[in-house]
Amino acid sequence: MPRPTAAQFAYGSATVVVTTLALLLLFRTESGIGIAAVGTTALALGLLVAVRLPLPRHRGAEGSGRAATADAAARTRHALEGVGTRERVAAGRSQAQAPADKHSLRR
């Protein structure tokens, strides 16, 4: 079971406090059973709010979504360009189409 996040704690706690105050003011109860019922209701509602709060997405080894998209686009662009002889052959170009001087820095 995953651990609750800080947001889940905050929203759950705030819900319990606000619900308790609202119910106590609304029903103006002074008996012990009424206060226990209000507290139990507030705790149940706070737990429901904390559990239903969406969990953050897990970041993979690539980082956040925007960085991951940029990395994937760069890898795709690099693969399509075909930097060296191996890449040109893998992309379907023959050795005859490759430049004569394989080790030249100029293209």
N, C-alpha and C. Protein backbone atom coordinates (compact mmCIF):
# COMPACT_ATOMS: atom_id res chain seq x y z
N MET A 1 0.85 -1.17 0.00
CA MET A 1 0.00 0.00 0.00
C MET A 1 0.90 1.24 0.00
N PRO A 2 0.66 2.18 -0.94
CA PRO A 2 1.51 3.37 -0.99
C PRO A 2 1.25 4.29 0.20
N ARG A 3 2.29 5.03 0.55
CA ARG A 3 2.16 5.98 1.66
C ARG A 3 1.38 7.20 1.22
N PRO A 4 0.62 7.79 2.15
CA PRO A 4 -0.14 9.00 1.79
C PRO A 4 0.81 10.17 1.52
N THR A 5 0.43 11.00 0.58
CA THR A 5 1.23 12.17 0.25
C THR A 5 0.88 13.32 1.18
N ALA A 6 1.66 14.38 1.10
CA ALA A 6 1.40 15.56 1.92
C ALA A 6 0.07 16.20 1.55
N ALA A 7 -0.28 16.17 0.28
CA ALA A 7 -1.55 16.73 -0.16
C ALA A 7 -2.72 15.94 0.43
N GLN A 8 -2.59 14.62 0.48
CA GLN A 8 -3.65 13.80 1.05
C GLN A 8 -3.84 14.11 2.54
N PHE A 9 -2.72 14.25 3.26
CA PHE A 9 -2.81 14.63 4.67
C PHE A 9 -3.48 15.99 4.83
N ALA A 10 -3.07 16.95 4.02
CA ALA A 10 -3.58 18.31 4.15
C ALA A 10 -5.08 18.37 3.85
N TYR A 11 -5.49 17.80 2.72
CA TYR A 11 -6.91 17.85 2.36
C TYR A 11 -7.77 17.05 3.34
N GLY A 12 -7.28 15.89 3.77
CA GLY A 12 -8.03 15.08 4.73
C GLY A 12 -8.19 15.79 6.05
N SER A 13 -7.10 16.37 6.55
CA SER A 13 -7.17 17.09 7.83
C SER A 13 -8.06 18.31 7.75
N ALA A 14 -7.94 19.07 6.67
CA ALA A 14 -8.78 20.26 6.51
C ALA A 14 -10.26 19.86 6.42
N THR A 15 -10.54 18.77 5.75
CA THR A 15 -11.92 18.30 5.65
C THR A 15 -12.48 17.92 7.02
N VAL A 16 -11.67 17.24 7.81
CA VAL A 16 -12.12 16.84 9.15
C VAL A 16 -12.41 18.07 10.00
N VAL A 17 -11.52 19.04 10.01
CA VAL A 17 -11.70 20.24 10.84
C VAL A 17 -12.93 21.03 10.40
N VAL A 18 -13.02 21.30 9.09
CA VAL A 18 -14.13 22.12 8.59
C VAL A 18 -15.46 21.40 8.78
N THR A 19 -15.50 20.09 8.51
CA THR A 19 -16.74 19.34 8.68
C THR A 19 -17.16 19.30 10.15
N THR A 20 -16.21 19.10 11.04
CA THR A 20 -16.54 19.07 12.47
C THR A 20 -17.13 20.39 12.92
N LEU A 21 -16.48 21.49 12.57
CA LEU A 21 -17.00 22.81 12.95
C LEU A 21 -18.38 23.06 12.35
N ALA A 22 -18.54 22.73 11.07
CA ALA A 22 -19.82 22.97 10.41
C ALA A 22 -20.94 22.15 11.04
N LEU A 23 -20.68 20.88 11.31
CA LEU A 23 -21.72 20.03 11.89
C LEU A 23 -22.05 20.44 13.33
N LEU A 24 -21.03 20.80 14.10
CA LEU A 24 -21.29 21.24 15.47
C LEU A 24 -22.10 22.52 15.51
N LEU A 25 -21.80 23.46 14.60
CA LEU A 25 -22.57 24.70 14.54
C LEU A 25 -23.96 24.48 13.98
N LEU A 26 -24.08 23.56 13.04
CA LEU A 26 -25.37 23.31 12.41
C LEU A 26 -26.35 22.61 13.35
N PHE A 27 -25.89 21.58 14.05
CA PHE A 27 -26.78 20.80 14.90
C PHE A 27 -26.81 21.30 16.35
N ARG A 28 -25.88 22.13 16.75
CA ARG A 28 -25.81 22.69 18.11
C ARG A 28 -25.98 21.60 19.17
N THR A 29 -25.26 20.53 18.96
CA THR A 29 -25.35 19.40 19.90
C THR A 29 -24.45 19.64 21.11
N GLU A 30 -24.93 19.19 22.26
CA GLU A 30 -24.15 19.30 23.49
C GLU A 30 -23.96 17.96 24.16
N SER A 31 -24.63 16.93 23.66
CA SER A 31 -24.52 15.60 24.28
C SER A 31 -23.26 14.90 23.79
N GLY A 32 -22.81 13.98 24.58
CA GLY A 32 -21.60 13.22 24.23
C GLY A 32 -21.80 12.35 23.01
N ILE A 33 -22.99 11.76 22.88
CA ILE A 33 -23.27 10.89 21.73
C ILE A 33 -23.32 11.73 20.45
N GLY A 34 -23.90 12.91 20.50
CA GLY A 34 -23.96 13.78 19.33
C GLY A 34 -22.58 14.23 18.88
N ILE A 35 -21.74 14.58 19.84
CA ILE A 35 -20.38 15.01 19.52
C ILE A 35 -19.58 13.85 18.93
N ALA A 36 -19.77 12.65 19.48
CA ALA A 36 -19.09 11.46 18.95
C ALA A 36 -19.56 11.16 17.53
N ALA A 37 -20.85 11.33 17.26
CA ALA A 37 -21.39 11.09 15.91
C ALA A 37 -20.83 12.11 14.92
N VAL A 38 -20.75 13.37 15.34
CA VAL A 38 -20.19 14.41 14.48
C VAL A 38 -18.72 14.12 14.20
N GLY A 39 -17.97 13.75 15.23
CA GLY A 39 -16.55 13.45 15.05
C GLY A 39 -16.33 12.25 14.13
N THR A 40 -17.15 11.21 14.32
CA THR A 40 -17.02 10.02 13.48
C THR A 40 -17.37 10.34 12.03
N THR A 41 -18.42 11.12 11.83
CA THR A 41 -18.80 11.52 10.47
C THR A 41 -17.70 12.35 9.82
N ALA A 42 -17.13 13.28 10.56
CA ALA A 42 -16.07 14.13 10.02
C ALA A 42 -14.83 13.30 9.68
N LEU A 43 -14.47 12.35 10.54
CA LEU A 43 -13.31 11.50 10.25
C LEU A 43 -13.54 10.64 9.01
N ALA A 44 -14.76 10.10 8.89
CA ALA A 44 -15.07 9.28 7.71
C ALA A 44 -15.01 10.12 6.44
N LEU A 45 -15.55 11.32 6.47
CA LEU A 45 -15.51 12.19 5.31
C LEU A 45 -14.07 12.62 4.97
N GLY A 46 -13.28 12.92 5.99
CA GLY A 46 -11.88 13.28 5.76
C GLY A 46 -11.09 12.13 5.15
N LEU A 47 -11.34 10.92 5.63
CA LEU A 47 -10.68 9.74 5.06
C LEU A 47 -11.09 9.53 3.61
N LEU A 48 -12.37 9.71 3.32
CA LEU A 48 -12.85 9.57 1.95
C LEU A 48 -12.20 10.59 1.02
N VAL A 49 -12.09 11.82 1.47
CA VAL A 49 -11.46 12.87 0.65
C VAL A 49 -9.99 12.54 0.41
N ALA A 50 -9.29 12.09 1.45
CA ALA A 50 -7.86 11.79 1.31
C ALA A 50 -7.63 10.60 0.39
N VAL A 51 -8.49 9.60 0.45
CA VAL A 51 -8.31 8.41 -0.38
C VAL A 51 -8.66 8.69 -1.84
N ARG A 52 -9.66 9.53 -2.06
CA ARG A 52 -10.11 9.81 -3.43
C ARG A 52 -9.24 10.83 -4.14
N LEU A 53 -8.34 11.49 -3.44
CA LEU A 53 -7.46 12.47 -4.05
C LEU A 53 -6.55 11.76 -5.04
N PRO A 54 -6.42 12.25 -6.28
CA PRO A 54 -5.58 11.56 -7.26
C PRO A 54 -4.11 11.54 -6.82
N LEU A 55 -3.48 10.39 -7.01
CA LEU A 55 -2.08 10.24 -6.66
C LEU A 55 -1.20 10.85 -7.75
N PRO A 56 -0.03 11.36 -7.38
CA PRO A 56 0.86 11.90 -8.41
C PRO A 56 1.38 10.79 -9.30
N ARG A 57 1.64 11.13 -10.55
CA ARG A 57 2.19 10.15 -11.47
C ARG A 57 3.64 9.90 -11.14
N HIS A 58 4.02 8.64 -11.25
CA HIS A 58 5.40 8.29 -10.95
C HIS A 58 6.30 8.69 -12.09
N ARG A 59 7.40 9.31 -11.76
CA ARG A 59 8.37 9.69 -12.79
C ARG A 59 9.27 8.51 -13.06
N GLY A 60 9.48 8.25 -14.32
CA GLY A 60 10.37 7.17 -14.70
C GLY A 60 11.81 7.64 -14.68
N ALA A 61 12.68 6.89 -15.29
CA ALA A 61 14.10 7.24 -15.33
C ALA A 61 14.34 8.49 -16.17
N GLU A 62 13.35 8.84 -17.02
CA GLU A 62 13.55 9.96 -17.92
C GLU A 62 13.14 11.30 -17.32
N GLY A 63 12.47 11.32 -16.21
CA GLY A 63 12.10 12.57 -15.58
C GLY A 63 10.66 12.93 -15.84
N SER A 64 10.39 14.22 -15.90
CA SER A 64 9.01 14.67 -16.04
C SER A 64 8.50 14.45 -17.45
N GLY A 65 7.22 14.67 -17.64
CA GLY A 65 6.57 14.42 -18.93
C GLY A 65 7.14 15.26 -20.05
N ARG A 66 7.35 16.55 -19.81
CA ARG A 66 7.86 17.43 -20.86
C ARG A 66 9.28 17.04 -21.26
N ALA A 67 10.13 16.74 -20.27
CA ALA A 67 11.50 16.32 -20.57
C ALA A 67 11.51 14.97 -21.27
N ALA A 68 10.63 14.06 -20.85
CA ALA A 68 10.57 12.75 -21.48
C ALA A 68 10.14 12.87 -22.93
N THR A 69 9.19 13.77 -23.22
CA THR A 69 8.74 13.96 -24.59
C THR A 69 9.87 14.54 -25.44
N ALA A 70 10.62 15.49 -24.89
CA ALA A 70 11.73 16.08 -25.64
C ALA A 70 12.82 15.05 -25.89
N ASP A 71 13.10 14.20 -24.89
CA ASP A 71 14.10 13.15 -25.07
C ASP A 71 13.67 12.15 -26.12
N ALA A 72 12.42 11.77 -26.11
CA ALA A 72 11.92 10.80 -27.09
C ALA A 72 11.97 11.40 -28.49
N ALA A 73 11.64 12.68 -28.63
CA ALA A 73 11.70 13.33 -29.94
C ALA A 73 13.14 13.42 -30.44
N ALA A 74 14.07 13.71 -29.54
CA ALA A 74 15.48 13.79 -29.94
C ALA A 74 15.99 12.42 -30.38
N ARG A 75 15.61 11.36 -29.65
CA ARG A 75 16.04 10.01 -30.04
C ARG A 75 15.47 9.62 -31.39
N THR A 76 14.21 9.96 -31.62
CA THR A 76 13.58 9.63 -32.90
C THR A 76 14.25 10.39 -34.03
N ARG A 77 14.50 11.68 -33.83
CA ARG A 77 15.14 12.50 -34.85
C ARG A 77 16.54 11.97 -35.15
N HIS A 78 17.28 11.59 -34.11
CA HIS A 78 18.63 11.06 -34.29
C HIS A 78 18.59 9.75 -35.07
N ALA A 79 17.61 8.90 -34.76
CA ALA A 79 17.51 7.61 -35.45
C ALA A 79 17.15 7.79 -36.92
N LEU A 80 16.31 8.79 -37.21
CA LEU A 80 15.90 9.00 -38.59
C LEU A 80 17.00 9.64 -39.42
N GLU A 81 17.82 10.49 -38.80
CA GLU A 81 18.89 11.16 -39.54
C GLU A 81 19.98 10.18 -39.96
N GLY A 82 20.28 9.20 -39.14
CA GLY A 82 21.33 8.25 -39.47
C GLY A 82 22.69 8.92 -39.47
N VAL A 83 23.36 8.95 -38.36
CA VAL A 83 24.60 9.71 -38.23
C VAL A 83 25.76 9.03 -38.94
N GLY A 84 25.96 7.74 -38.72
CA GLY A 84 27.13 7.07 -39.28
C GLY A 84 26.76 6.02 -40.31
N THR A 85 27.75 5.25 -40.72
CA THR A 85 27.55 4.23 -41.74
C THR A 85 26.56 3.18 -41.28
N ARG A 86 26.67 2.74 -40.05
CA ARG A 86 25.75 1.73 -39.54
C ARG A 86 24.31 2.20 -39.62
N GLU A 87 24.09 3.44 -39.23
CA GLU A 87 22.73 3.97 -39.26
C GLU A 87 22.21 4.07 -40.69
N ARG A 88 23.08 4.46 -41.64
CA ARG A 88 22.64 4.56 -43.04
C ARG A 88 22.28 3.19 -43.58
N VAL A 89 23.06 2.18 -43.24
CA VAL A 89 22.78 0.82 -43.69
C VAL A 89 21.48 0.33 -43.05
N ALA A 90 21.31 0.60 -41.77
CA ALA A 90 20.10 0.17 -41.08
C ALA A 90 18.87 0.88 -41.63
N ALA A 91 19.05 2.10 -42.12
CA ALA A 91 17.93 2.86 -42.67
C ALA A 91 17.63 2.46 -44.10
N GLY A 92 18.40 1.55 -44.68
CA GLY A 92 18.13 1.08 -46.03
C GLY A 92 19.02 1.68 -47.10
N ARG A 93 19.98 2.50 -46.75
CA ARG A 93 20.90 3.07 -47.74
C ARG A 93 22.05 2.11 -47.94
N SER A 94 22.52 2.04 -49.10
CA SER A 94 23.62 1.11 -49.39
C SER A 94 24.96 1.75 -49.07
N GLN A 95 26.01 0.93 -49.06
CA GLN A 95 27.36 1.43 -48.83
C GLN A 95 27.81 2.32 -49.98
N ALA A 96 27.29 2.08 -51.17
CA ALA A 96 27.68 2.89 -52.33
C ALA A 96 27.19 4.33 -52.18
N GLN A 97 26.10 4.53 -51.51
CA GLN A 97 25.58 5.88 -51.32
C GLN A 97 26.29 6.62 -50.19
N ALA A 98 27.05 5.91 -49.38
CA ALA A 98 27.79 6.54 -48.29
C ALA A 98 28.95 7.33 -48.87
N PRO A 99 29.38 8.38 -48.23
CA PRO A 99 30.53 9.15 -48.72
C PRO A 99 31.78 8.29 -48.78
N ALA A 100 32.67 8.63 -49.70
CA ALA A 100 33.89 7.86 -49.91
C ALA A 100 34.79 7.92 -48.68
N ASP A 101 34.94 9.10 -48.11
CA ASP A 101 35.78 9.26 -46.94
C ASP A 101 34.89 9.07 -45.70
N LYS A 102 34.89 7.87 -45.12
CA LYS A 102 34.01 7.56 -44.00
C LYS A 102 34.36 8.34 -42.76
N HIS A 103 35.63 8.72 -42.64
CA HIS A 103 36.09 9.34 -41.40
C HIS A 103 36.17 10.86 -41.49
N SER A 104 35.66 11.42 -42.52
CA SER A 104 35.70 12.87 -42.67
C SER A 104 34.67 13.51 -41.75
N LEU A 105 35.02 14.65 -41.21
CA LEU A 105 34.11 15.37 -40.36
C LEU A 105 33.15 16.23 -41.20
N ARG A 106 33.54 16.48 -42.47
CA ARG A 106 32.69 17.27 -43.35
C ARG A 106 31.68 16.36 -44.04
N ARG A 107 30.55 16.89 -44.33
CA ARG A 107 29.52 16.11 -45.05
C ARG A 107 29.05 16.87 -46.23
